[in-house]
Structure formats: structure tokens, C-alpha cells
N, C-alpha and C. Protein backbone atom coordinates (compact mmCIF):
# COMPACT_ATOMS: atom_id res chain seq x y z
N MET A 1 -154.94 67.48 152.57
CA MET A 1 -155.65 68.16 151.57
C MET A 1 -156.43 67.19 150.65
N PRO A 2 -157.69 67.29 150.46
CA PRO A 2 -158.45 66.32 149.64
C PRO A 2 -157.93 66.32 148.17
N GLN A 3 -158.01 65.24 147.55
CA GLN A 3 -157.53 65.13 146.16
C GLN A 3 -158.66 64.98 145.22
N ALA A 4 -158.38 65.18 143.93
CA ALA A 4 -159.39 65.17 142.95
C ALA A 4 -160.14 63.83 142.86
N TRP A 5 -159.42 62.80 143.15
CA TRP A 5 -160.04 61.44 143.04
C TRP A 5 -161.20 61.31 144.07
N GLU A 6 -161.15 62.11 145.12
CA GLU A 6 -162.26 61.96 146.12
C GLU A 6 -163.63 62.23 145.58
N ARG A 7 -163.67 63.19 144.62
CA ARG A 7 -164.94 63.51 143.88
C ARG A 7 -165.39 62.34 143.05
N GLY A 8 -164.40 61.69 142.39
CA GLY A 8 -164.73 60.48 141.63
C GLY A 8 -165.29 59.39 142.53
N LEU A 9 -164.67 59.23 143.68
CA LEU A 9 -165.16 58.20 144.62
C LEU A 9 -166.56 58.56 145.08
N ARG A 10 -166.88 59.77 145.33
CA ARG A 10 -168.23 60.14 145.72
C ARG A 10 -169.29 59.79 144.65
N VAL A 11 -168.86 59.97 143.41
CA VAL A 11 -169.70 59.64 142.27
C VAL A 11 -169.94 58.11 142.19
N LEU A 12 -168.87 57.35 142.35
CA LEU A 12 -168.97 55.88 142.36
C LEU A 12 -169.82 55.44 143.54
N ASN A 13 -169.78 56.10 144.66
CA ASN A 13 -170.52 55.65 145.82
C ASN A 13 -171.97 56.16 145.86
N SER A 14 -172.29 56.98 144.90
CA SER A 14 -173.62 57.61 144.92
C SER A 14 -174.76 56.54 144.73
N SER A 15 -175.91 56.85 145.15
CA SER A 15 -177.07 55.94 145.10
C SER A 15 -177.40 55.70 143.58
N LYS A 16 -176.93 56.50 142.64
CA LYS A 16 -177.23 56.24 141.21
C LYS A 16 -176.58 54.97 140.69
N ASN A 17 -175.47 54.58 141.35
CA ASN A 17 -174.77 53.40 140.85
C ASN A 17 -175.34 52.10 141.39
N GLU A 18 -175.35 51.12 140.51
CA GLU A 18 -175.72 49.82 140.89
C GLU A 18 -174.41 49.13 141.38
N GLY A 19 -174.54 48.15 142.28
CA GLY A 19 -173.33 47.44 142.70
C GLY A 19 -172.66 48.02 143.87
N LYS A 20 -171.43 47.65 144.08
CA LYS A 20 -170.70 48.06 145.28
C LYS A 20 -169.40 48.66 144.99
N THR A 21 -169.02 49.80 145.65
CA THR A 21 -167.76 50.39 145.42
C THR A 21 -166.94 50.19 146.73
N ILE A 22 -165.69 49.74 146.48
CA ILE A 22 -164.82 49.54 147.61
C ILE A 22 -163.58 50.45 147.35
N TYR A 23 -163.23 51.22 148.47
CA TYR A 23 -162.08 52.05 148.52
C TYR A 23 -161.24 51.50 149.59
N ASP A 24 -160.18 50.77 149.25
CA ASP A 24 -159.44 50.01 150.15
C ASP A 24 -158.03 50.53 150.36
N VAL A 25 -157.86 51.34 151.47
CA VAL A 25 -156.51 51.88 151.76
C VAL A 25 -155.72 50.91 152.62
N GLY A 26 -154.43 51.08 152.69
CA GLY A 26 -153.60 50.20 153.56
C GLY A 26 -153.38 48.89 152.93
N LYS A 27 -153.60 48.76 151.62
CA LYS A 27 -153.41 47.52 150.91
C LYS A 27 -152.40 47.74 149.83
N CYS A 28 -151.65 46.63 149.53
CA CYS A 28 -150.68 46.77 148.45
C CYS A 28 -151.11 45.75 147.43
N ALA A 29 -151.45 46.21 146.19
CA ALA A 29 -151.80 45.30 145.14
C ALA A 29 -150.59 44.52 144.70
N THR A 30 -150.67 43.19 144.74
CA THR A 30 -149.47 42.45 144.40
C THR A 30 -149.64 41.83 143.03
N ASN A 31 -150.82 41.79 142.46
CA ASN A 31 -151.06 41.26 141.13
C ASN A 31 -152.43 41.62 140.64
N VAL A 32 -152.60 41.94 139.35
CA VAL A 32 -153.85 42.15 138.80
C VAL A 32 -153.93 41.41 137.47
N THR A 33 -155.06 40.70 137.27
CA THR A 33 -155.24 39.95 136.07
C THR A 33 -156.63 40.31 135.50
N TYR A 34 -156.74 40.09 134.13
CA TYR A 34 -158.01 40.35 133.49
C TYR A 34 -158.42 39.09 132.79
N ALA A 35 -159.66 38.62 133.05
CA ALA A 35 -160.18 37.42 132.37
C ALA A 35 -161.73 37.43 132.48
N ASP A 36 -162.40 37.01 131.40
CA ASP A 36 -163.84 36.89 131.36
C ASP A 36 -164.57 38.14 131.69
N GLY A 37 -163.99 39.31 131.33
CA GLY A 37 -164.67 40.63 131.60
C GLY A 37 -164.41 41.18 132.97
N PHE A 38 -163.62 40.56 133.77
CA PHE A 38 -163.45 41.05 135.13
C PHE A 38 -161.96 41.19 135.48
N MET A 39 -161.67 42.08 136.37
CA MET A 39 -160.33 42.25 136.89
C MET A 39 -160.22 41.55 138.23
N THR A 40 -159.18 40.85 138.48
CA THR A 40 -158.95 40.20 139.78
C THR A 40 -157.69 40.89 140.39
N VAL A 41 -157.86 41.37 141.56
CA VAL A 41 -156.78 42.10 142.18
C VAL A 41 -156.40 41.31 143.42
N GLU A 42 -155.10 40.86 143.57
CA GLU A 42 -154.54 40.18 144.70
C GLU A 42 -153.92 41.29 145.59
N MET A 43 -154.26 41.35 146.84
CA MET A 43 -153.78 42.43 147.76
C MET A 43 -153.14 41.81 149.01
N GLU A 44 -152.17 42.60 149.45
CA GLU A 44 -151.64 42.30 150.85
C GLU A 44 -151.95 43.46 151.75
N ASP A 45 -152.46 43.13 152.98
CA ASP A 45 -152.72 44.24 153.93
C ASP A 45 -151.34 44.64 154.54
N ILE A 46 -150.97 45.90 154.39
CA ILE A 46 -149.64 46.32 154.87
C ILE A 46 -149.53 46.35 156.34
N LEU A 47 -150.60 46.35 157.12
CA LEU A 47 -150.50 46.34 158.60
C LEU A 47 -150.33 44.97 159.16
N ASN A 48 -151.10 43.99 158.66
CA ASN A 48 -151.04 42.71 159.26
C ASN A 48 -150.49 41.56 158.32
N GLY A 49 -150.21 41.89 157.07
CA GLY A 49 -149.61 40.90 156.19
C GLY A 49 -150.54 39.96 155.57
N SER A 50 -151.86 40.01 155.96
CA SER A 50 -152.82 39.04 155.36
C SER A 50 -153.03 39.37 153.89
N ASN A 51 -153.46 38.33 153.18
CA ASN A 51 -153.75 38.45 151.71
C ASN A 51 -155.19 38.19 151.38
N HIS A 52 -155.71 38.94 150.40
CA HIS A 52 -157.05 38.57 149.95
C HIS A 52 -157.14 39.04 148.47
N THR A 53 -158.24 38.60 147.86
CA THR A 53 -158.46 38.80 146.44
C THR A 53 -159.87 39.48 146.25
N VAL A 54 -159.90 40.41 145.31
CA VAL A 54 -161.13 41.18 145.00
C VAL A 54 -161.30 41.01 143.48
N ARG A 55 -162.60 40.74 143.08
CA ARG A 55 -162.87 40.64 141.64
C ARG A 55 -163.84 41.81 141.36
N ALA A 56 -163.59 42.48 140.23
CA ALA A 56 -164.32 43.70 139.91
C ALA A 56 -164.44 43.94 138.41
N ASP A 57 -165.39 44.78 138.03
CA ASP A 57 -165.46 45.13 136.58
C ASP A 57 -164.71 46.40 136.32
N LEU A 58 -164.30 47.17 137.35
CA LEU A 58 -163.56 48.36 137.29
C LEU A 58 -162.64 48.49 138.41
N VAL A 59 -161.36 48.68 138.14
CA VAL A 59 -160.32 48.80 139.14
C VAL A 59 -159.49 50.04 138.87
N VAL A 60 -159.36 50.84 139.90
CA VAL A 60 -158.54 52.05 139.85
C VAL A 60 -157.42 51.90 140.81
N LEU A 61 -156.21 51.83 140.30
CA LEU A 61 -155.03 51.67 141.20
C LEU A 61 -154.23 52.92 141.18
N ALA A 62 -153.66 53.25 142.29
CA ALA A 62 -152.85 54.48 142.43
C ALA A 62 -151.50 54.07 142.96
N ASP A 63 -150.78 53.26 142.22
CA ASP A 63 -149.46 52.82 142.78
C ASP A 63 -148.28 53.57 142.20
N GLY A 64 -148.48 54.73 141.66
CA GLY A 64 -147.39 55.55 141.36
C GLY A 64 -146.84 55.52 139.99
N ALA A 65 -145.83 56.37 139.78
CA ALA A 65 -145.16 56.50 138.52
C ALA A 65 -144.37 55.19 138.13
N ASN A 66 -143.89 54.44 139.05
CA ASN A 66 -143.14 53.25 138.80
C ASN A 66 -144.00 52.00 139.06
N SER A 67 -145.17 52.03 138.56
CA SER A 67 -146.21 51.02 138.88
C SER A 67 -145.88 49.60 138.56
N ILE A 68 -145.80 48.75 139.56
CA ILE A 68 -145.56 47.39 139.33
C ILE A 68 -146.74 46.72 138.60
N ILE A 69 -147.96 47.18 138.97
CA ILE A 69 -149.19 46.64 138.33
C ILE A 69 -149.20 46.98 136.88
N ARG A 70 -148.86 48.23 136.49
CA ARG A 70 -148.78 48.56 135.06
C ARG A 70 -147.80 47.70 134.35
N GLN A 71 -146.66 47.48 134.98
CA GLN A 71 -145.64 46.56 134.36
C GLN A 71 -146.18 45.11 134.19
N ASN A 72 -147.01 44.67 135.12
CA ASN A 72 -147.64 43.37 134.97
C ASN A 72 -148.65 43.27 133.88
N LEU A 73 -149.51 44.35 133.83
CA LEU A 73 -150.55 44.35 132.80
C LEU A 73 -150.10 44.72 131.40
N LEU A 74 -149.06 45.54 131.32
CA LEU A 74 -148.57 46.03 130.04
C LEU A 74 -147.04 45.90 130.05
N PRO A 75 -146.51 44.68 129.95
CA PRO A 75 -145.09 44.46 130.07
C PRO A 75 -144.29 45.05 128.96
N LYS A 76 -144.85 45.28 127.79
CA LYS A 76 -144.06 45.77 126.64
C LYS A 76 -143.98 47.25 126.68
N VAL A 77 -144.76 47.96 127.53
CA VAL A 77 -144.68 49.43 127.61
C VAL A 77 -143.48 49.81 128.39
N GLN A 78 -142.63 50.59 127.77
CA GLN A 78 -141.41 51.07 128.49
C GLN A 78 -141.44 52.55 128.80
N GLU A 79 -141.00 52.90 129.99
CA GLU A 79 -140.98 54.23 130.35
C GLU A 79 -139.90 54.99 129.45
N GLU A 80 -140.25 56.19 129.01
CA GLU A 80 -139.38 57.02 128.20
C GLU A 80 -139.39 58.37 128.74
N TYR A 81 -138.28 58.99 129.07
CA TYR A 81 -138.20 60.32 129.56
C TYR A 81 -138.63 61.32 128.49
N ALA A 82 -139.51 62.24 128.88
CA ALA A 82 -140.20 63.16 127.89
C ALA A 82 -139.35 64.41 127.78
N ARG A 83 -138.19 64.56 128.39
CA ARG A 83 -137.34 65.75 128.29
C ARG A 83 -137.87 66.95 128.98
N TYR A 84 -138.72 66.75 129.98
CA TYR A 84 -139.20 67.82 130.85
C TYR A 84 -139.61 67.22 132.16
N VAL A 85 -139.64 68.05 133.18
CA VAL A 85 -140.19 67.65 134.51
C VAL A 85 -141.45 68.56 134.68
N ALA A 86 -142.35 68.04 135.44
CA ALA A 86 -143.58 68.77 135.74
C ALA A 86 -143.62 69.05 137.22
N TRP A 87 -143.60 70.31 137.52
CA TRP A 87 -143.77 70.75 138.94
C TRP A 87 -145.24 70.93 139.13
N ARG A 88 -145.95 70.10 139.90
CA ARG A 88 -147.34 70.19 140.14
C ARG A 88 -147.73 70.54 141.55
N SER A 89 -148.75 71.30 141.66
CA SER A 89 -149.26 71.63 143.02
C SER A 89 -150.61 72.05 143.00
N THR A 90 -151.22 72.05 144.15
CA THR A 90 -152.59 72.64 144.36
C THR A 90 -152.48 73.64 145.44
N VAL A 91 -153.30 74.66 145.39
CA VAL A 91 -153.32 75.72 146.38
C VAL A 91 -154.82 76.05 146.69
N PRO A 92 -155.17 76.24 148.00
CA PRO A 92 -156.47 76.69 148.26
C PRO A 92 -156.81 77.98 147.60
N GLU A 93 -158.01 78.07 147.02
CA GLU A 93 -158.39 79.28 146.31
C GLU A 93 -158.26 80.60 147.12
N GLU A 94 -158.56 80.54 148.36
CA GLU A 94 -158.54 81.76 149.21
C GLU A 94 -157.10 82.23 149.42
N LYS A 95 -156.12 81.49 149.07
CA LYS A 95 -154.67 81.88 149.25
C LYS A 95 -154.08 82.57 148.10
N VAL A 96 -154.83 82.75 146.98
CA VAL A 96 -154.28 83.45 145.84
C VAL A 96 -154.99 84.76 145.58
N SER A 97 -154.37 85.65 144.83
CA SER A 97 -154.91 86.95 144.62
C SER A 97 -156.18 86.80 143.69
N GLN A 98 -156.84 87.94 143.71
CA GLN A 98 -158.11 87.99 142.85
C GLN A 98 -157.66 87.83 141.36
N GLU A 99 -156.57 88.46 140.99
CA GLU A 99 -156.06 88.40 139.62
C GLU A 99 -155.77 86.86 139.22
N THR A 100 -155.17 86.17 140.13
CA THR A 100 -154.84 84.73 139.87
C THR A 100 -156.15 83.92 139.82
N ARG A 101 -157.09 84.27 140.69
CA ARG A 101 -158.38 83.58 140.68
C ARG A 101 -159.09 83.74 139.31
N LYS A 102 -159.10 84.95 138.77
CA LYS A 102 -159.69 85.21 137.49
C LYS A 102 -158.96 84.35 136.42
N LEU A 103 -157.70 84.32 136.48
CA LEU A 103 -156.84 83.60 135.49
C LEU A 103 -157.14 82.04 135.56
N PHE A 104 -157.30 81.56 136.76
CA PHE A 104 -157.38 80.07 136.95
C PHE A 104 -158.84 79.64 137.05
N ASP A 105 -159.81 80.49 137.24
CA ASP A 105 -161.15 80.07 137.56
C ASP A 105 -161.74 78.98 136.79
N LYS A 106 -161.87 79.06 135.49
CA LYS A 106 -162.63 78.07 134.71
C LYS A 106 -161.83 76.84 134.48
N LYS A 107 -160.56 76.95 134.20
CA LYS A 107 -159.79 75.81 133.76
C LYS A 107 -159.03 75.05 134.80
N TYR A 108 -158.73 75.66 135.88
CA TYR A 108 -157.81 75.02 136.84
C TYR A 108 -158.46 74.77 138.23
N ALA A 109 -159.72 75.07 138.38
CA ALA A 109 -160.38 74.87 139.68
C ALA A 109 -160.65 73.39 139.79
N MET A 110 -160.47 72.83 140.99
CA MET A 110 -160.78 71.48 141.29
C MET A 110 -161.56 71.39 142.66
N PRO A 111 -162.20 70.30 142.95
CA PRO A 111 -162.92 70.21 144.18
C PRO A 111 -162.08 70.61 145.37
N GLY A 112 -162.67 71.35 146.30
CA GLY A 112 -161.95 71.68 147.56
C GLY A 112 -162.41 70.70 148.63
N PRO A 113 -162.36 71.14 149.91
CA PRO A 113 -162.68 70.28 150.98
C PRO A 113 -164.08 69.63 150.81
N GLU A 114 -164.15 68.38 151.10
CA GLU A 114 -165.43 67.63 150.95
C GLU A 114 -166.02 67.64 149.54
N GLY A 115 -165.11 67.88 148.55
CA GLY A 115 -165.59 67.84 147.14
C GLY A 115 -166.30 69.08 146.70
N SER A 116 -166.21 70.15 147.43
CA SER A 116 -166.93 71.35 147.14
C SER A 116 -166.37 72.07 145.87
N LEU A 117 -167.28 72.59 144.98
CA LEU A 117 -166.92 73.31 143.82
C LEU A 117 -167.38 74.80 143.96
N GLU A 118 -167.70 75.16 145.19
CA GLU A 118 -168.19 76.51 145.53
C GLU A 118 -167.05 77.49 145.34
N ILE A 119 -167.34 78.64 144.68
CA ILE A 119 -166.29 79.67 144.51
C ILE A 119 -165.80 80.11 145.91
N GLY A 120 -164.54 80.12 146.08
CA GLY A 120 -163.91 80.49 147.32
C GLY A 120 -163.59 79.30 148.19
N ASN A 121 -164.08 78.09 147.82
CA ASN A 121 -163.93 76.93 148.59
C ASN A 121 -163.31 75.75 147.76
N ARG A 122 -162.57 76.16 146.70
CA ARG A 122 -162.04 75.16 145.77
C ARG A 122 -160.50 75.14 145.93
N TYR A 123 -159.89 74.31 145.17
CA TYR A 123 -158.41 74.27 145.01
C TYR A 123 -158.14 74.69 143.62
N PHE A 124 -156.96 75.23 143.37
CA PHE A 124 -156.50 75.44 142.01
C PHE A 124 -155.28 74.49 141.80
N ASN A 125 -155.36 73.87 140.66
CA ASN A 125 -154.29 72.87 140.27
C ASN A 125 -153.48 73.56 139.24
N TYR A 126 -152.14 73.51 139.36
CA TYR A 126 -151.28 74.05 138.35
C TYR A 126 -150.13 73.11 138.15
N VAL A 127 -149.58 73.21 136.94
CA VAL A 127 -148.46 72.38 136.54
C VAL A 127 -147.53 73.28 135.69
N TRP A 128 -146.22 73.30 136.08
CA TRP A 128 -145.24 73.94 135.27
C TRP A 128 -144.38 72.95 134.59
N TYR A 129 -144.48 72.80 133.27
CA TYR A 129 -143.63 71.83 132.54
C TYR A 129 -142.35 72.55 132.23
N TYR A 130 -141.26 72.00 132.76
CA TYR A 130 -139.94 72.70 132.77
C TYR A 130 -139.04 71.79 131.95
N ASN A 131 -138.52 72.24 130.81
CA ASN A 131 -137.62 71.50 129.98
C ASN A 131 -136.37 71.26 130.73
N LEU A 132 -135.98 70.01 130.68
CA LEU A 132 -134.76 69.62 131.51
C LEU A 132 -134.16 68.32 130.82
N PRO A 133 -132.91 68.48 130.31
CA PRO A 133 -132.30 67.21 129.77
C PRO A 133 -132.07 66.26 130.88
N LYS A 134 -132.15 64.98 130.52
CA LYS A 134 -131.85 63.95 131.54
C LYS A 134 -130.41 63.69 131.62
N ALA A 135 -129.72 64.69 132.17
CA ALA A 135 -128.32 64.63 132.36
C ALA A 135 -127.90 65.37 133.58
N PRO A 136 -126.83 64.94 134.27
CA PRO A 136 -126.39 65.64 135.50
C PRO A 136 -125.84 67.00 135.09
N PRO A 137 -125.80 68.00 135.86
CA PRO A 137 -126.27 67.96 137.26
C PRO A 137 -127.76 68.37 137.42
N ASP A 138 -128.37 69.02 136.42
CA ASP A 138 -129.71 69.62 136.60
C ASP A 138 -130.77 68.53 136.91
N PHE A 139 -130.82 67.43 136.08
CA PHE A 139 -131.75 66.39 136.33
C PHE A 139 -131.57 65.70 137.67
N THR A 140 -130.37 65.48 138.01
CA THR A 140 -130.05 64.87 139.31
C THR A 140 -130.52 65.72 140.50
N GLU A 141 -130.23 67.00 140.37
CA GLU A 141 -130.66 67.97 141.42
C GLU A 141 -132.18 67.96 141.55
N ALA A 142 -132.85 67.79 140.43
CA ALA A 142 -134.29 67.87 140.48
C ALA A 142 -134.94 66.70 141.16
N THR A 143 -134.27 65.52 141.30
CA THR A 143 -134.87 64.37 141.86
C THR A 143 -134.17 63.87 143.17
N ILE A 144 -133.47 64.68 143.75
CA ILE A 144 -132.79 64.44 145.08
C ILE A 144 -133.73 64.91 146.22
N TYR A 145 -134.04 64.02 147.09
CA TYR A 145 -134.88 64.37 148.33
C TYR A 145 -134.08 65.24 149.25
N LYS A 146 -134.77 65.84 150.23
CA LYS A 146 -134.12 66.69 151.23
C LYS A 146 -133.02 65.87 151.97
N ASP A 147 -133.27 64.57 152.13
CA ASP A 147 -132.28 63.74 152.91
C ASP A 147 -131.22 63.17 151.89
N SER A 148 -130.99 63.79 150.72
CA SER A 148 -130.06 63.39 149.77
C SER A 148 -130.24 62.11 149.04
N HIS A 149 -131.42 61.44 149.23
CA HIS A 149 -131.76 60.27 148.53
C HIS A 149 -132.22 60.58 147.13
N LEU A 150 -131.55 59.91 146.12
CA LEU A 150 -131.87 60.12 144.73
C LEU A 150 -133.08 59.29 144.35
N HIS A 151 -134.09 59.85 143.79
CA HIS A 151 -135.30 59.13 143.41
C HIS A 151 -135.22 58.96 141.84
N GLN A 152 -135.87 57.88 141.36
CA GLN A 152 -135.83 57.57 140.00
C GLN A 152 -136.61 58.56 139.12
N SER A 153 -137.80 58.88 139.47
CA SER A 153 -138.56 59.66 138.59
C SER A 153 -139.58 60.65 139.20
N THR A 154 -139.83 60.56 140.51
CA THR A 154 -140.83 61.47 141.13
C THR A 154 -140.21 62.06 142.41
N LEU A 155 -140.78 63.08 142.83
CA LEU A 155 -140.26 63.74 144.15
C LEU A 155 -141.51 64.05 144.92
N PRO A 156 -141.81 63.40 146.01
CA PRO A 156 -142.97 63.57 146.83
C PRO A 156 -143.11 65.03 147.32
N ALA A 157 -144.27 65.44 147.63
CA ALA A 157 -144.60 66.75 148.08
C ALA A 157 -143.72 67.00 149.34
N GLY A 158 -143.10 68.19 149.39
CA GLY A 158 -142.42 68.62 150.58
C GLY A 158 -140.99 68.07 150.67
N GLN A 159 -140.59 67.35 149.67
CA GLN A 159 -139.26 66.70 149.71
C GLN A 159 -138.22 67.35 148.86
N MET A 160 -138.56 68.49 148.17
CA MET A 160 -137.55 69.18 147.39
C MET A 160 -136.58 69.89 148.28
N ARG A 161 -135.31 69.83 147.94
CA ARG A 161 -134.27 70.54 148.66
C ARG A 161 -134.45 72.02 148.57
N GLU A 162 -134.23 72.73 149.71
CA GLU A 162 -134.43 74.21 149.70
C GLU A 162 -133.62 74.94 148.66
N GLU A 163 -132.37 74.53 148.41
CA GLU A 163 -131.59 75.31 147.41
C GLU A 163 -132.13 75.10 145.94
N ARG A 164 -132.66 73.85 145.71
CA ARG A 164 -133.28 73.60 144.42
C ARG A 164 -134.56 74.45 144.28
N TRP A 165 -135.31 74.48 145.35
CA TRP A 165 -136.56 75.28 145.33
C TRP A 165 -136.26 76.74 145.10
N ALA A 166 -135.22 77.33 145.74
CA ALA A 166 -134.85 78.68 145.56
C ALA A 166 -134.52 78.97 144.11
N LYS A 167 -133.86 78.03 143.44
CA LYS A 167 -133.46 78.22 142.05
C LYS A 167 -134.70 78.25 141.18
N LEU A 168 -135.61 77.34 141.46
CA LEU A 168 -136.85 77.21 140.67
C LEU A 168 -137.79 78.45 140.85
N VAL A 169 -137.83 78.97 142.05
CA VAL A 169 -138.63 80.18 142.34
C VAL A 169 -138.05 81.36 141.54
N ALA A 170 -136.64 81.49 141.62
CA ALA A 170 -136.01 82.56 140.92
C ALA A 170 -136.28 82.52 139.41
N HIS A 171 -136.19 81.30 138.87
CA HIS A 171 -136.41 81.17 137.42
C HIS A 171 -137.88 81.41 137.11
N ALA A 172 -138.80 80.92 137.94
CA ALA A 172 -140.29 81.17 137.69
C ALA A 172 -140.51 82.66 137.72
N ASN A 173 -139.94 83.36 138.63
CA ASN A 173 -140.16 84.79 138.72
C ASN A 173 -139.60 85.57 137.49
N GLU A 174 -138.61 85.01 136.85
CA GLU A 174 -138.11 85.63 135.64
C GLU A 174 -138.98 85.46 134.42
N ILE A 175 -139.61 84.21 134.31
CA ILE A 175 -140.23 83.95 133.09
C ILE A 175 -141.81 83.80 133.13
N LEU A 176 -142.37 83.60 134.34
CA LEU A 176 -143.82 83.47 134.46
C LEU A 176 -144.50 84.72 134.78
N ILE A 177 -145.85 84.60 134.92
CA ILE A 177 -146.69 85.83 135.18
C ILE A 177 -146.18 86.45 136.44
N SER A 178 -146.46 87.79 136.59
CA SER A 178 -145.88 88.50 137.64
C SER A 178 -146.43 88.10 139.02
N ASP A 179 -147.66 87.63 139.07
CA ASP A 179 -148.27 87.13 140.33
C ASP A 179 -147.99 85.67 140.50
N SER A 180 -146.70 85.41 140.67
CA SER A 180 -146.21 84.04 140.73
C SER A 180 -146.71 83.29 141.93
N LEU A 181 -147.45 82.16 141.75
CA LEU A 181 -147.94 81.32 142.80
C LEU A 181 -146.77 80.67 143.58
N PHE A 182 -145.66 80.38 142.83
CA PHE A 182 -144.51 79.66 143.41
C PHE A 182 -143.95 80.24 144.70
N SER A 183 -143.92 81.55 144.76
CA SER A 183 -143.26 82.18 145.89
C SER A 183 -144.12 82.11 147.16
N ARG A 184 -145.38 81.81 147.00
CA ARG A 184 -146.32 81.90 148.12
C ARG A 184 -146.89 80.54 148.61
N THR A 185 -146.76 79.50 147.79
CA THR A 185 -147.51 78.30 148.10
C THR A 185 -146.67 77.13 148.62
N CYS A 186 -145.41 77.20 148.58
CA CYS A 186 -144.66 75.97 148.88
C CYS A 186 -143.63 76.16 149.97
């Protein structure tokens, strides 16, 4: 499923921009430094192990919630639990009811396939902020993968345990709008 960043990449690659845009997948940023108005990114190719360096005036890294790069650039910033978890998802617009489309139309639509914003060909993005103390058993249950691996702070798509998902769907159906997306999209 295309992501929202793809639209940003298309803008950066458009003929209106001067310079060059590099979208480099399969690389692991090992260090980022800033000097003289430029960012320098040191990268390792995860397939062949080779190393190379890129110098740029804008760098967008997507190395996740436990970013090593962020820790390098901002070593004094410490992660602090916000006392909630966010269940985030996207759903193709054509898979939701007309009532939900009306509710989500202006605020939650995002580019669909190939960056399209055409009605009927978009995605809807939604997030449920769920209050949850950082204490067992609830928090622990929320961050355990299907294979019983406990993750520090995120749970990748498709890795929630079925019994946890069933509890979340039941709770959502108790407190959220009657046309719950949760029961149909995951």
C-alpha cells in the first residue's frame, strides 16, 4: 500500500525543483552530521555491506521510533512514555461505508495508489489514541508480537496477537462510532 511520503517524494522529484533528489532504499544510515549548512549521511548497503556517504541540504530519514540517528543528532532528548498507545491504520476509501466516507472525507483522506487524491481512489488514515498505563499486564500485552517477542515501543502492521486484537475490537465497538472501521479493516 503506498504511503503518504510517496506524495512528498513526487513533489521533491518534480521538475519545479532545482537540484537532485535521491530516494535510497536498502541502505542503513550509520551516522548523520551537520556542518556548514549541509547534512552528511554515512550509509551501509544492507545487501552487499558497502559503505558510502551522501551530502545534502535536506535529509529525511525513516529509521523508526527508536531512531539511532535521532539519538546521534539530539543526544539529550530522551524518550518519555505519553501514557497512551496509538493504534494507526489506513484503509482504502472504497472499503468503508458512505457514512464513514462523509465523516472522514476532508480531514483524514490521504493519497491513494500512485498518489491519487481522486474521490474513491484515496486512503483514509485513522488513529485511535488509547489511554494505557505503562504497567503490566495491559502495556505488555499491547507490545507483544504474534510470535511472543516483546517489542520496546512499536508493533509492526500485522503483528498484533489475535486475542489482543479481539479485546481492542470489543472495546472499540463499545465506545466508538457505530460504523466501526476496526471490525472490517484488520
